[in-house]
Amino acid sequence: MRMRRKRNLDSRMDRCADFLISDPASLRGRWLADSEFDELYLELGCGKGRFIVETAKASPNALFVGAEKTANVLVLALERAISEDAYNVRFINNLVDYFEDFFAPGEVSGIFLNFSDPWPAKRHVKRRLTSPFFLDLYRKILRPDGEIHLKTDNLPLFEYSLEEFGSAGFAILSESRDLHKDGPTGVMTEYEMKFHEQGIPINRCVVRV
């Protein structure tokens, strides 16, 4: 079911304009130019922003860009970044459709894929964010030693992703099928916190170009 647009969404988005990149294509190749940041990281599908804001606060020398296609959700991430003074976070109201237009080859240090839609039906396999099409896109914008960090509660998607990473020539640096078995590990997303409380195992892997 399609989410109804919030009545006050436009005014809330306007108040967050400093954190929202309205024309990301204009920054292609120069996201870090004339800035104090050393590296650029992306989170594709940043949701309400908990993960990217907390991760950015722990890495003040890097710029983090969260991409989210649903404006009703994105506004919550924008407001979180502002309220927590996460000065090194920016957002794009998009997912991955035009990323070659937004980022130059080798410009990105790492990509976070947190709890992406698993698109379980075979007819939708190309929409998975770890399908060959998207892996080829990531390879183009990642620097030579760039990494992809994947977390999901969906084991079939995780196994599919591991296979596709291997087929695409990515080196698998680490993998876990129960990330929080011995206690919470790393920054959790909103979904991840709920899953962990329910005892649902979290799958995670890190791969390198």
N, C-alpha and C. Protein backbone atom coordinates (compact mmCIF):
# COMPACT_ATOMS: atom_id res chain seq x y z
N MET A 1 0.84 -1.19 0.00
CA MET A 1 0.00 0.00 0.00
C MET A 1 0.89 1.25 0.00
N ARG A 2 0.54 2.21 -0.85
CA ARG A 2 1.34 3.41 -0.96
C ARG A 2 1.15 4.32 0.25
N MET A 3 2.27 4.85 0.76
CA MET A 3 2.23 5.71 1.94
C MET A 3 1.67 7.08 1.56
N ARG A 4 0.71 7.57 2.36
CA ARG A 4 0.12 8.88 2.10
C ARG A 4 1.14 9.97 2.45
N ARG A 5 1.26 10.95 1.58
CA ARG A 5 2.21 12.04 1.80
C ARG A 5 1.78 12.88 3.00
N LYS A 6 2.71 13.16 3.90
CA LYS A 6 2.40 13.96 5.08
C LYS A 6 1.99 15.37 4.66
N ARG A 7 0.98 15.91 5.33
CA ARG A 7 0.45 17.24 4.96
C ARG A 7 1.48 18.35 5.15
N ASN A 8 2.32 18.22 6.15
CA ASN A 8 3.31 19.26 6.43
C ASN A 8 4.70 18.89 5.93
N LEU A 9 4.76 17.95 5.01
CA LEU A 9 6.06 17.44 4.56
C LEU A 9 6.90 18.51 3.90
N ASP A 10 6.32 19.29 3.01
CA ASP A 10 7.10 20.28 2.26
C ASP A 10 7.77 21.30 3.19
N SER A 11 7.03 21.79 4.16
CA SER A 11 7.60 22.78 5.07
C SER A 11 8.69 22.16 5.94
N ARG A 12 8.51 20.91 6.35
CA ARG A 12 9.54 20.23 7.14
C ARG A 12 10.80 20.00 6.32
N MET A 13 10.62 19.62 5.05
CA MET A 13 11.77 19.41 4.17
C MET A 13 12.50 20.74 3.94
N ASP A 14 11.75 21.82 3.79
CA ASP A 14 12.35 23.13 3.58
C ASP A 14 13.23 23.53 4.76
N ARG A 15 12.80 23.20 5.96
CA ARG A 15 13.58 23.54 7.14
C ARG A 15 14.88 22.74 7.23
N CYS A 16 14.96 21.65 6.46
CA CYS A 16 16.14 20.79 6.47
C CYS A 16 16.99 20.97 5.22
N ALA A 17 16.76 22.05 4.50
CA ALA A 17 17.38 22.22 3.18
C ALA A 17 18.90 22.15 3.21
N ASP A 18 19.52 22.57 4.29
CA ASP A 18 20.98 22.57 4.36
C ASP A 18 21.56 21.16 4.36
N PHE A 19 20.75 20.17 4.71
CA PHE A 19 21.22 18.79 4.77
C PHE A 19 20.75 17.96 3.57
N LEU A 20 19.92 18.54 2.74
CA LEU A 20 19.37 17.83 1.58
C LEU A 20 20.02 18.33 0.30
N ILE A 21 20.62 17.41 -0.46
CA ILE A 21 21.27 17.76 -1.72
C ILE A 21 20.22 17.71 -2.83
N SER A 22 19.80 18.86 -3.30
CA SER A 22 18.74 18.92 -4.30
C SER A 22 19.25 18.58 -5.70
N ASP A 23 20.53 18.81 -5.96
CA ASP A 23 21.11 18.54 -7.29
C ASP A 23 22.41 17.77 -7.13
N PRO A 24 22.34 16.49 -6.76
CA PRO A 24 23.56 15.72 -6.52
C PRO A 24 24.45 15.59 -7.75
N ALA A 25 23.87 15.66 -8.95
CA ALA A 25 24.69 15.55 -10.16
C ALA A 25 25.70 16.69 -10.25
N SER A 26 25.38 17.84 -9.67
CA SER A 26 26.29 18.99 -9.73
C SER A 26 27.53 18.78 -8.88
N LEU A 27 27.50 17.79 -7.99
CA LEU A 27 28.65 17.51 -7.11
C LEU A 27 29.49 16.33 -7.61
N ARG A 28 29.10 15.75 -8.71
CA ARG A 28 29.83 14.59 -9.22
C ARG A 28 31.32 14.92 -9.41
N GLY A 29 32.15 14.11 -8.76
CA GLY A 29 33.59 14.29 -8.86
C GLY A 29 34.17 15.30 -7.90
N ARG A 30 33.33 15.97 -7.13
CA ARG A 30 33.86 17.00 -6.23
C ARG A 30 33.12 17.04 -4.88
N TRP A 31 32.61 15.90 -4.46
CA TRP A 31 31.93 15.84 -3.17
C TRP A 31 32.86 16.26 -2.03
N LEU A 32 34.13 15.91 -2.16
CA LEU A 32 35.08 16.21 -1.10
C LEU A 32 35.92 17.46 -1.37
N ALA A 33 35.71 18.07 -2.52
CA ALA A 33 36.50 19.24 -2.87
C ALA A 33 36.22 20.40 -1.92
N ASP A 34 37.27 21.10 -1.55
CA ASP A 34 37.15 22.27 -0.67
C ASP A 34 36.42 21.95 0.64
N SER A 35 36.61 20.73 1.13
CA SER A 35 35.98 20.35 2.40
C SER A 35 37.04 19.79 3.34
N GLU A 36 36.66 19.62 4.60
CA GLU A 36 37.58 19.06 5.58
C GLU A 36 37.50 17.55 5.65
N PHE A 37 36.70 16.94 4.75
CA PHE A 37 36.49 15.50 4.81
C PHE A 37 37.47 14.75 3.91
N ASP A 38 37.87 13.56 4.38
CA ASP A 38 38.85 12.75 3.66
C ASP A 38 38.23 11.64 2.82
N GLU A 39 37.05 11.18 3.23
CA GLU A 39 36.43 10.04 2.56
C GLU A 39 34.93 10.26 2.42
N LEU A 40 34.34 9.52 1.48
CA LEU A 40 32.91 9.61 1.20
C LEU A 40 32.27 8.23 1.31
N TYR A 41 31.20 8.14 2.10
CA TYR A 41 30.48 6.88 2.29
C TYR A 41 29.01 7.07 1.98
N LEU A 42 28.38 6.02 1.46
CA LEU A 42 26.96 6.05 1.12
C LEU A 42 26.20 5.00 1.91
N GLU A 43 24.99 5.35 2.30
CA GLU A 43 24.04 4.34 2.79
C GLU A 43 22.84 4.38 1.87
N LEU A 44 22.55 3.25 1.23
CA LEU A 44 21.46 3.18 0.26
C LEU A 44 20.21 2.65 0.96
N GLY A 45 19.22 3.51 1.12
CA GLY A 45 18.04 3.17 1.88
C GLY A 45 18.29 3.46 3.34
N CYS A 46 18.47 4.73 3.67
CA CYS A 46 18.90 5.11 5.02
C CYS A 46 17.77 5.15 6.03
N GLY A 47 16.51 4.97 5.58
CA GLY A 47 15.40 4.93 6.51
C GLY A 47 15.31 6.20 7.34
N LYS A 48 15.07 6.03 8.64
CA LYS A 48 14.90 7.17 9.54
C LYS A 48 16.22 7.76 10.01
N GLY A 49 17.34 7.20 9.54
CA GLY A 49 18.63 7.85 9.73
C GLY A 49 19.45 7.47 10.95
N ARG A 50 18.97 6.53 11.76
CA ARG A 50 19.72 6.21 12.98
C ARG A 50 21.13 5.74 12.66
N PHE A 51 21.25 4.80 11.71
CA PHE A 51 22.56 4.21 11.42
C PHE A 51 23.52 5.26 10.87
N ILE A 52 23.10 6.02 9.87
CA ILE A 52 24.04 6.93 9.23
C ILE A 52 24.44 8.07 10.15
N VAL A 53 23.52 8.54 10.97
CA VAL A 53 23.85 9.64 11.89
C VAL A 53 24.83 9.17 12.95
N GLU A 54 24.56 8.01 13.56
CA GLU A 54 25.46 7.51 14.60
C GLU A 54 26.83 7.14 14.03
N THR A 55 26.84 6.56 12.85
CA THR A 55 28.11 6.19 12.21
C THR A 55 28.91 7.44 11.86
N ALA A 56 28.24 8.46 11.35
CA ALA A 56 28.92 9.71 10.99
C ALA A 56 29.50 10.40 12.21
N LYS A 57 28.79 10.39 13.30
CA LYS A 57 29.28 11.04 14.52
C LYS A 57 30.55 10.37 15.03
N ALA A 58 30.69 9.07 14.75
CA ALA A 58 31.88 8.34 15.17
C ALA A 58 33.05 8.51 14.20
N SER A 59 32.79 9.10 13.03
CA SER A 59 33.83 9.28 12.00
C SER A 59 33.76 10.71 11.48
N PRO A 60 34.19 11.68 12.27
CA PRO A 60 34.02 13.09 11.91
C PRO A 60 34.83 13.55 10.70
N ASN A 61 35.82 12.76 10.28
CA ASN A 61 36.64 13.16 9.13
C ASN A 61 36.10 12.67 7.80
N ALA A 62 34.96 11.99 7.83
CA ALA A 62 34.37 11.46 6.60
C ALA A 62 33.01 12.10 6.36
N LEU A 63 32.62 12.16 5.08
CA LEU A 63 31.31 12.64 4.69
C LEU A 63 30.42 11.44 4.41
N PHE A 64 29.21 11.45 4.97
CA PHE A 64 28.26 10.36 4.78
C PHE A 64 27.03 10.88 4.05
N VAL A 65 26.65 10.15 3.01
CA VAL A 65 25.48 10.53 2.21
C VAL A 65 24.45 9.42 2.31
N GLY A 66 23.28 9.75 2.79
CA GLY A 66 22.19 8.78 2.88
C GLY A 66 21.22 8.97 1.74
N ALA A 67 20.88 7.88 1.08
CA ALA A 67 19.92 7.93 -0.02
C ALA A 67 18.64 7.24 0.41
N GLU A 68 17.53 7.92 0.21
CA GLU A 68 16.23 7.37 0.59
C GLU A 68 15.18 7.91 -0.38
N LYS A 69 14.44 7.01 -1.01
CA LYS A 69 13.49 7.44 -2.04
C LYS A 69 12.14 7.89 -1.47
N THR A 70 11.82 7.50 -0.24
CA THR A 70 10.52 7.84 0.36
C THR A 70 10.65 9.11 1.19
N ALA A 71 10.08 10.18 0.71
CA ALA A 71 10.23 11.48 1.37
C ALA A 71 9.65 11.47 2.79
N ASN A 72 8.56 10.76 2.99
CA ASN A 72 7.95 10.67 4.33
C ASN A 72 8.92 10.10 5.36
N VAL A 73 9.79 9.21 4.91
CA VAL A 73 10.80 8.61 5.79
C VAL A 73 12.04 9.50 5.84
N LEU A 74 12.44 10.00 4.69
CA LEU A 74 13.65 10.82 4.62
C LEU A 74 13.58 12.02 5.53
N VAL A 75 12.42 12.64 5.65
CA VAL A 75 12.32 13.84 6.49
C VAL A 75 12.68 13.52 7.94
N LEU A 76 12.41 12.31 8.39
CA LEU A 76 12.76 11.92 9.75
C LEU A 76 14.27 11.80 9.91
N ALA A 77 14.94 11.30 8.87
CA ALA A 77 16.40 11.21 8.88
C ALA A 77 17.02 12.60 8.88
N LEU A 78 16.47 13.49 8.07
CA LEU A 78 16.95 14.87 8.02
C LEU A 78 16.82 15.54 9.39
N GLU A 79 15.67 15.39 10.00
CA GLU A 79 15.44 16.02 11.30
C GLU A 79 16.33 15.41 12.38
N ARG A 80 16.61 14.12 12.27
CA ARG A 80 17.52 13.50 13.24
C ARG A 80 18.92 14.08 13.09
N ALA A 81 19.40 14.19 11.86
CA ALA A 81 20.74 14.73 11.63
C ALA A 81 20.87 16.14 12.19
N ILE A 82 19.84 16.95 12.00
CA ILE A 82 19.87 18.32 12.50
C ILE A 82 19.83 18.34 14.03
N SER A 83 18.95 17.56 14.61
CA SER A 83 18.80 17.57 16.07
C SER A 83 20.05 17.06 16.77
N GLU A 84 20.80 16.17 16.11
CA GLU A 84 22.00 15.62 16.71
C GLU A 84 23.27 16.29 16.20
N ASP A 85 23.10 17.38 15.44
CA ASP A 85 24.22 18.17 14.95
C ASP A 85 25.24 17.31 14.21
N ALA A 86 24.73 16.43 13.36
CA ALA A 86 25.59 15.57 12.54
C ALA A 86 26.00 16.35 11.29
N TYR A 87 26.98 17.19 11.45
CA TYR A 87 27.36 18.14 10.40
C TYR A 87 27.95 17.46 9.16
N ASN A 88 28.41 16.20 9.29
CA ASN A 88 29.03 15.50 8.17
C ASN A 88 28.10 14.50 7.51
N VAL A 89 26.81 14.77 7.56
CA VAL A 89 25.81 13.92 6.90
C VAL A 89 25.01 14.77 5.90
N ARG A 90 24.77 14.20 4.74
CA ARG A 90 23.89 14.81 3.75
C ARG A 90 22.95 13.74 3.20
N PHE A 91 21.88 14.16 2.56
CA PHE A 91 20.89 13.20 2.09
C PHE A 91 20.48 13.49 0.65
N ILE A 92 20.09 12.41 -0.03
CA ILE A 92 19.58 12.48 -1.40
C ILE A 92 18.22 11.81 -1.41
N ASN A 93 17.23 12.46 -2.02
CA ASN A 93 15.89 11.87 -2.13
C ASN A 93 15.83 11.00 -3.38
N ASN A 94 16.57 9.89 -3.31
CA ASN A 94 16.71 8.97 -4.44
C ASN A 94 17.31 7.70 -3.88
N LEU A 95 17.33 6.62 -4.66
CA LEU A 95 18.01 5.43 -4.17
C LEU A 95 19.25 5.20 -5.02
N VAL A 96 19.16 4.41 -6.07
CA VAL A 96 20.36 4.15 -6.87
C VAL A 96 20.14 4.34 -8.35
N ASP A 97 18.99 4.82 -8.74
CA ASP A 97 18.64 4.90 -10.15
C ASP A 97 19.65 5.67 -11.01
N TYR A 98 20.18 6.76 -10.45
CA TYR A 98 21.04 7.65 -11.25
C TYR A 98 22.42 7.84 -10.63
N PHE A 99 22.90 6.86 -9.92
CA PHE A 99 24.13 7.07 -9.16
C PHE A 99 25.36 7.31 -10.00
N GLU A 100 25.39 6.81 -11.22
CA GLU A 100 26.53 7.10 -12.09
C GLU A 100 26.56 8.59 -12.44
N ASP A 101 25.41 9.25 -12.40
CA ASP A 101 25.34 10.69 -12.65
C ASP A 101 25.73 11.49 -11.41
N PHE A 102 25.65 10.86 -10.24
CA PHE A 102 25.89 11.56 -8.98
C PHE A 102 27.33 11.44 -8.47
N PHE A 103 27.98 10.30 -8.77
CA PHE A 103 29.30 10.03 -8.21
C PHE A 103 30.27 9.62 -9.33
N ALA A 104 31.47 10.17 -9.29
CA ALA A 104 32.48 9.87 -10.31
C ALA A 104 33.16 8.54 -10.00
N PRO A 105 33.80 7.93 -11.00
CA PRO A 105 34.53 6.69 -10.76
C PRO A 105 35.55 6.84 -9.64
N GLY A 106 35.53 5.89 -8.71
CA GLY A 106 36.49 5.88 -7.62
C GLY A 106 36.29 6.94 -6.55
N GLU A 107 35.14 7.58 -6.53
CA GLU A 107 34.92 8.69 -5.60
C GLU A 107 34.46 8.22 -4.22
N VAL A 108 33.91 7.02 -4.15
CA VAL A 108 33.27 6.54 -2.92
C VAL A 108 34.15 5.51 -2.22
N SER A 109 34.31 5.65 -0.92
CA SER A 109 35.14 4.72 -0.14
C SER A 109 34.38 3.48 0.32
N GLY A 110 33.09 3.64 0.58
CA GLY A 110 32.32 2.49 1.06
C GLY A 110 30.83 2.69 0.89
N ILE A 111 30.12 1.57 0.80
CA ILE A 111 28.66 1.59 0.63
C ILE A 111 28.04 0.68 1.68
N PHE A 112 27.00 1.19 2.35
CA PHE A 112 26.26 0.41 3.33
C PHE A 112 24.90 0.03 2.75
N LEU A 113 24.61 -1.26 2.76
CA LEU A 113 23.31 -1.78 2.35
C LEU A 113 22.68 -2.42 3.58
N ASN A 114 21.81 -1.69 4.23
CA ASN A 114 21.21 -2.15 5.48
C ASN A 114 19.74 -2.50 5.30
N PHE A 115 19.43 -3.78 5.40
CA PHE A 115 18.05 -4.26 5.38
C PHE A 115 17.29 -3.80 4.14
N SER A 116 17.94 -3.98 3.00
CA SER A 116 17.33 -3.65 1.71
C SER A 116 16.16 -4.58 1.43
N ASP A 117 15.24 -4.13 0.61
CA ASP A 117 14.11 -4.96 0.19
C ASP A 117 14.65 -6.23 -0.45
N PRO A 118 14.25 -7.42 0.02
CA PRO A 118 14.80 -8.66 -0.54
C PRO A 118 14.25 -9.03 -1.91
N TRP A 119 13.14 -8.43 -2.32
CA TRP A 119 12.54 -8.77 -3.62
C TRP A 119 12.60 -10.28 -3.86
N PRO A 120 11.85 -11.06 -3.08
CA PRO A 120 11.98 -12.52 -3.14
C PRO A 120 11.51 -13.19 -4.42
N ALA A 121 10.56 -12.59 -5.13
CA ALA A 121 10.05 -13.22 -6.34
C ALA A 121 11.13 -13.26 -7.43
N LYS A 122 11.20 -14.35 -8.16
CA LYS A 122 12.22 -14.50 -9.20
C LYS A 122 12.10 -13.42 -10.26
N ARG A 123 10.88 -13.00 -10.55
CA ARG A 123 10.70 -11.98 -11.59
C ARG A 123 11.25 -10.62 -11.17
N HIS A 124 11.54 -10.46 -9.87
CA HIS A 124 12.05 -9.19 -9.36
C HIS A 124 13.53 -9.25 -9.00
N VAL A 125 14.21 -10.32 -9.37
CA VAL A 125 15.59 -10.50 -8.93
C VAL A 125 16.49 -9.33 -9.34
N LYS A 126 16.21 -8.71 -10.48
CA LYS A 126 17.05 -7.61 -10.94
C LYS A 126 16.93 -6.36 -10.06
N ARG A 127 15.88 -6.32 -9.24
CA ARG A 127 15.70 -5.16 -8.37
C ARG A 127 16.50 -5.27 -7.08
N ARG A 128 17.00 -6.45 -6.77
CA ARG A 128 17.79 -6.61 -5.55
C ARG A 128 19.04 -5.75 -5.64
N LEU A 129 19.38 -5.10 -4.55
CA LEU A 129 20.52 -4.18 -4.57
C LEU A 129 21.86 -4.89 -4.61
N THR A 130 21.84 -6.22 -4.63
CA THR A 130 23.08 -6.99 -4.83
C THR A 130 23.00 -7.82 -6.10
N SER A 131 22.13 -7.45 -7.01
CA SER A 131 22.07 -8.12 -8.31
C SER A 131 23.27 -7.68 -9.15
N PRO A 132 23.63 -8.42 -10.19
CA PRO A 132 24.79 -8.07 -11.01
C PRO A 132 24.76 -6.64 -11.53
N PHE A 133 23.58 -6.14 -11.90
CA PHE A 133 23.49 -4.77 -12.42
C PHE A 133 24.00 -3.76 -11.40
N PHE A 134 23.52 -3.89 -10.15
CA PHE A 134 23.92 -2.93 -9.13
C PHE A 134 25.37 -3.13 -8.69
N LEU A 135 25.82 -4.38 -8.64
CA LEU A 135 27.22 -4.61 -8.26
C LEU A 135 28.16 -3.96 -9.27
N ASP A 136 27.79 -3.99 -10.53
CA ASP A 136 28.61 -3.33 -11.55
C ASP A 136 28.60 -1.82 -11.34
N LEU A 137 27.47 -1.28 -10.94
CA LEU A 137 27.37 0.16 -10.67
C LEU A 137 28.24 0.54 -9.48
N TYR A 138 28.17 -0.27 -8.42
CA TYR A 138 28.98 0.03 -7.23
C TYR A 138 30.46 0.00 -7.56
N ARG A 139 30.87 -0.99 -8.35
CA ARG A 139 32.28 -1.12 -8.70
C ARG A 139 32.78 0.14 -9.41
N LYS A 140 31.94 0.76 -10.21
CA LYS A 140 32.34 1.94 -10.95
C LYS A 140 32.59 3.14 -10.04
N ILE A 141 31.77 3.29 -9.01
CA ILE A 141 31.91 4.49 -8.18
C ILE A 141 32.80 4.27 -6.96
N LEU A 142 33.07 3.01 -6.60
CA LEU A 142 33.94 2.73 -5.46
C LEU A 142 35.41 2.90 -5.85
N ARG A 143 36.21 3.34 -4.90
CA ARG A 143 37.64 3.42 -5.12
C ARG A 143 38.21 1.99 -5.18
N PRO A 144 39.45 1.81 -5.65
CA PRO A 144 39.99 0.46 -5.87
C PRO A 144 39.95 -0.46 -4.65
N ASP A 145 40.04 0.08 -3.44
CA ASP A 145 39.96 -0.75 -2.24
C ASP A 145 38.66 -0.52 -1.48
N GLY A 146 37.65 -0.02 -2.18
CA GLY A 146 36.38 0.29 -1.55
C GLY A 146 35.64 -0.95 -1.07
N GLU A 147 34.78 -0.74 -0.07
CA GLU A 147 34.07 -1.85 0.55
C GLU A 147 32.56 -1.68 0.47
N ILE A 148 31.88 -2.81 0.52
CA ILE A 148 30.42 -2.85 0.66
C ILE A 148 30.11 -3.59 1.95
N HIS A 149 29.28 -2.98 2.80
CA HIS A 149 28.86 -3.60 4.06
C HIS A 149 27.37 -3.92 3.94
N LEU A 150 27.05 -5.18 4.05
CA LEU A 150 25.66 -5.63 3.90
C LEU A 150 25.15 -6.22 5.21
N LYS A 151 23.95 -5.77 5.62
CA LYS A 151 23.27 -6.38 6.76
C LYS A 151 21.82 -6.67 6.36
N THR A 152 21.32 -7.84 6.76
CA THR A 152 19.94 -8.21 6.45
C THR A 152 19.47 -9.29 7.41
N ASP A 153 18.18 -9.30 7.66
CA ASP A 153 17.58 -10.38 8.44
C ASP A 153 17.13 -11.51 7.52
N ASN A 154 17.20 -11.28 6.21
CA ASN A 154 16.68 -12.24 5.22
C ASN A 154 17.80 -13.17 4.76
N LEU A 155 17.79 -14.40 5.25
CA LEU A 155 18.87 -15.34 4.93
C LEU A 155 18.95 -15.68 3.44
N PRO A 156 17.83 -15.92 2.74
CA PRO A 156 17.93 -16.17 1.30
C PRO A 156 18.60 -15.03 0.54
N LEU A 157 18.28 -13.79 0.91
CA LEU A 157 18.93 -12.65 0.26
C LEU A 157 20.42 -12.64 0.58
N PHE A 158 20.76 -12.97 1.81
CA PHE A 158 22.16 -12.98 2.22
C PHE A 158 22.95 -14.02 1.42
N GLU A 159 22.41 -15.22 1.31
CA GLU A 159 23.10 -16.27 0.55
C GLU A 159 23.20 -15.89 -0.92
N TYR A 160 22.14 -15.34 -1.46
CA TYR A 160 22.17 -14.86 -2.85
C TYR A 160 23.26 -13.81 -3.02
N SER A 161 23.34 -12.89 -2.08
CA SER A 161 24.31 -11.80 -2.18
C SER A 161 25.74 -12.31 -2.11
N LEU A 162 26.00 -13.24 -1.22
CA LEU A 162 27.34 -13.82 -1.13
C LEU A 162 27.75 -14.46 -2.46
N GLU A 163 26.81 -15.16 -3.05
CA GLU A 163 27.10 -15.81 -4.34
C GLU A 163 27.39 -14.77 -5.42
N GLU A 164 26.58 -13.71 -5.45
CA GLU A 164 26.77 -12.68 -6.47
C GLU A 164 28.06 -11.89 -6.24
N PHE A 165 28.38 -11.61 -4.99
CA PHE A 165 29.65 -10.93 -4.70
C PHE A 165 30.82 -11.75 -5.23
N GLY A 166 30.78 -13.05 -4.94
CA GLY A 166 31.86 -13.92 -5.41
C GLY A 166 31.94 -13.97 -6.91
N SER A 167 30.79 -14.10 -7.57
CA SER A 167 30.76 -14.16 -9.03
C SER A 167 31.27 -12.88 -9.67
N ALA A 168 31.05 -11.75 -8.99
CA ALA A 168 31.47 -10.45 -9.52
C ALA A 168 32.93 -10.13 -9.19
N GLY A 169 33.59 -11.01 -8.44
CA GLY A 169 35.00 -10.81 -8.14
C GLY A 169 35.29 -9.98 -6.91
N PHE A 170 34.28 -9.75 -6.08
CA PHE A 170 34.51 -9.05 -4.82
C PHE A 170 35.13 -10.02 -3.82
N ALA A 171 36.08 -9.53 -3.04
CA ALA A 171 36.70 -10.36 -2.01
C ALA A 171 35.85 -10.28 -0.74
N ILE A 172 35.46 -11.42 -0.21
CA ILE A 172 34.65 -11.45 1.01
C ILE A 172 35.59 -11.39 2.21
N LEU A 173 35.54 -10.28 2.94
CA LEU A 173 36.45 -10.07 4.06
C LEU A 173 35.92 -10.69 5.34
N SER A 174 34.60 -10.66 5.53
CA SER A 174 34.01 -11.26 6.72
C SER A 174 32.56 -11.57 6.45
N GLU A 175 32.03 -12.55 7.18
CA GLU A 175 30.61 -12.88 7.07
C GLU A 175 30.12 -13.49 8.38
N SER A 176 28.89 -13.21 8.72
CA SER A 176 28.28 -13.74 9.93
C SER A 176 26.80 -13.96 9.68
N ARG A 177 26.29 -15.06 10.18
CA ARG A 177 24.86 -15.34 10.08
C ARG A 177 24.13 -15.12 11.40
N ASP A 178 24.84 -14.59 12.37
CA ASP A 178 24.23 -14.22 13.65
C ASP A 178 25.11 -13.16 14.29
N LEU A 179 25.07 -11.98 13.75
CA LEU A 179 26.00 -10.91 14.10
C LEU A 179 26.00 -10.59 15.59
N HIS A 180 24.83 -10.58 16.20
CA HIS A 180 24.71 -10.15 17.59
C HIS A 180 24.60 -11.32 18.58
N LYS A 181 25.08 -12.46 18.17
CA LYS A 181 24.98 -13.67 19.01
C LYS A 181 25.57 -13.45 20.40
N ASP A 182 26.69 -12.77 20.47
CA ASP A 182 27.37 -12.55 21.75
C ASP A 182 27.15 -11.15 22.30
N GLY A 183 26.11 -10.49 21.82
CA GLY A 183 25.80 -9.14 22.27
C GLY A 183 25.80 -8.16 21.11
N PRO A 184 25.15 -7.01 21.25
CA PRO A 184 25.07 -6.02 20.18
C PRO A 184 26.44 -5.64 19.64
N THR A 185 26.53 -5.61 18.31
CA THR A 185 27.79 -5.31 17.63
C THR A 185 27.58 -4.14 16.67
N GLY A 186 28.31 -3.07 16.87
CA GLY A 186 28.24 -1.94 15.95
C GLY A 186 26.95 -1.15 16.08
N VAL A 187 26.79 -0.19 15.19
CA VAL A 187 25.60 0.67 15.18
C VAL A 187 24.44 -0.08 14.53
N MET A 188 23.30 -0.09 15.19
CA MET A 188 22.12 -0.76 14.66
C MET A 188 21.17 0.23 13.98
N THR A 189 20.47 -0.24 12.96
CA THR A 189 19.38 0.54 12.37
C THR A 189 18.14 0.37 13.24
N GLU A 190 17.09 1.14 12.94
CA GLU A 190 15.83 0.99 13.67
C GLU A 190 15.27 -0.42 13.51
N TYR A 191 15.26 -0.93 12.26
CA TYR A 191 14.78 -2.29 12.02
C TYR A 191 15.60 -3.31 12.79
N GLU A 192 16.90 -3.11 12.75
CA GLU A 192 17.81 -4.07 13.37
C GLU A 192 17.58 -4.18 14.87
N MET A 193 17.32 -3.07 15.52
CA MET A 193 17.05 -3.09 16.95
C MET A 193 15.81 -3.92 17.26
N LYS A 194 14.77 -3.76 16.45
CA LYS A 194 13.54 -4.53 16.65
C LYS A 194 13.79 -6.01 16.41
N PHE A 195 14.50 -6.33 15.34
CA PHE A 195 14.79 -7.73 15.03
C PHE A 195 15.60 -8.37 16.15
N HIS A 196 16.58 -7.65 16.66
CA HIS A 196 17.43 -8.19 17.73
C HIS A 196 16.61 -8.45 18.98
N GLU A 197 15.71 -7.54 19.31
CA GLU A 197 14.85 -7.73 20.48
C GLU A 197 13.94 -8.94 20.32
N GLN A 198 13.57 -9.25 19.07
CA GLN A 198 12.72 -10.40 18.79
C GLN A 198 13.51 -11.70 18.64
N GLY A 199 14.83 -11.62 18.76
CA GLY A 199 15.66 -12.81 18.63
C GLY A 199 15.89 -13.26 17.21
N ILE A 200 15.67 -12.37 16.24
CA ILE A 200 15.87 -12.71 14.83
C ILE A 200 17.34 -12.51 14.48
N PRO A 201 18.04 -13.54 13.99
CA PRO A 201 19.47 -13.40 13.66
C PRO A 201 19.69 -12.38 12.55
N ILE A 202 20.77 -11.64 12.66
CA ILE A 202 21.16 -10.66 11.65
C ILE A 202 22.36 -11.19 10.89
N ASN A 203 22.25 -11.18 9.58
CA ASN A 203 23.34 -11.61 8.70
C ASN A 203 24.15 -10.40 8.25
N ARG A 204 25.45 -10.54 8.25
CA ARG A 204 26.29 -9.40 7.83
C ARG A 204 27.51 -9.90 7.09
N CYS A 205 27.91 -9.15 6.06
CA CYS A 205 29.17 -9.43 5.39
C CYS A 205 29.82 -8.13 4.96
N VAL A 206 31.12 -8.16 4.81
CA VAL A 206 31.89 -7.03 4.30
C VAL A 206 32.69 -7.55 3.12
N VAL A 207 32.60 -6.88 2.00
CA VAL A 207 33.34 -7.30 0.81
C VAL A 207 34.14 -6.13 0.27
N ARG A 208 35.17 -6.43 -0.48
CA ARG A 208 36.06 -5.41 -1.03
C ARG A 208 36.17 -5.58 -2.53
N VAL A 209 36.26 -4.45 -3.22
CA VAL A 209 36.42 -4.48 -4.68
C VAL A 209 37.66 -5.26 -5.06
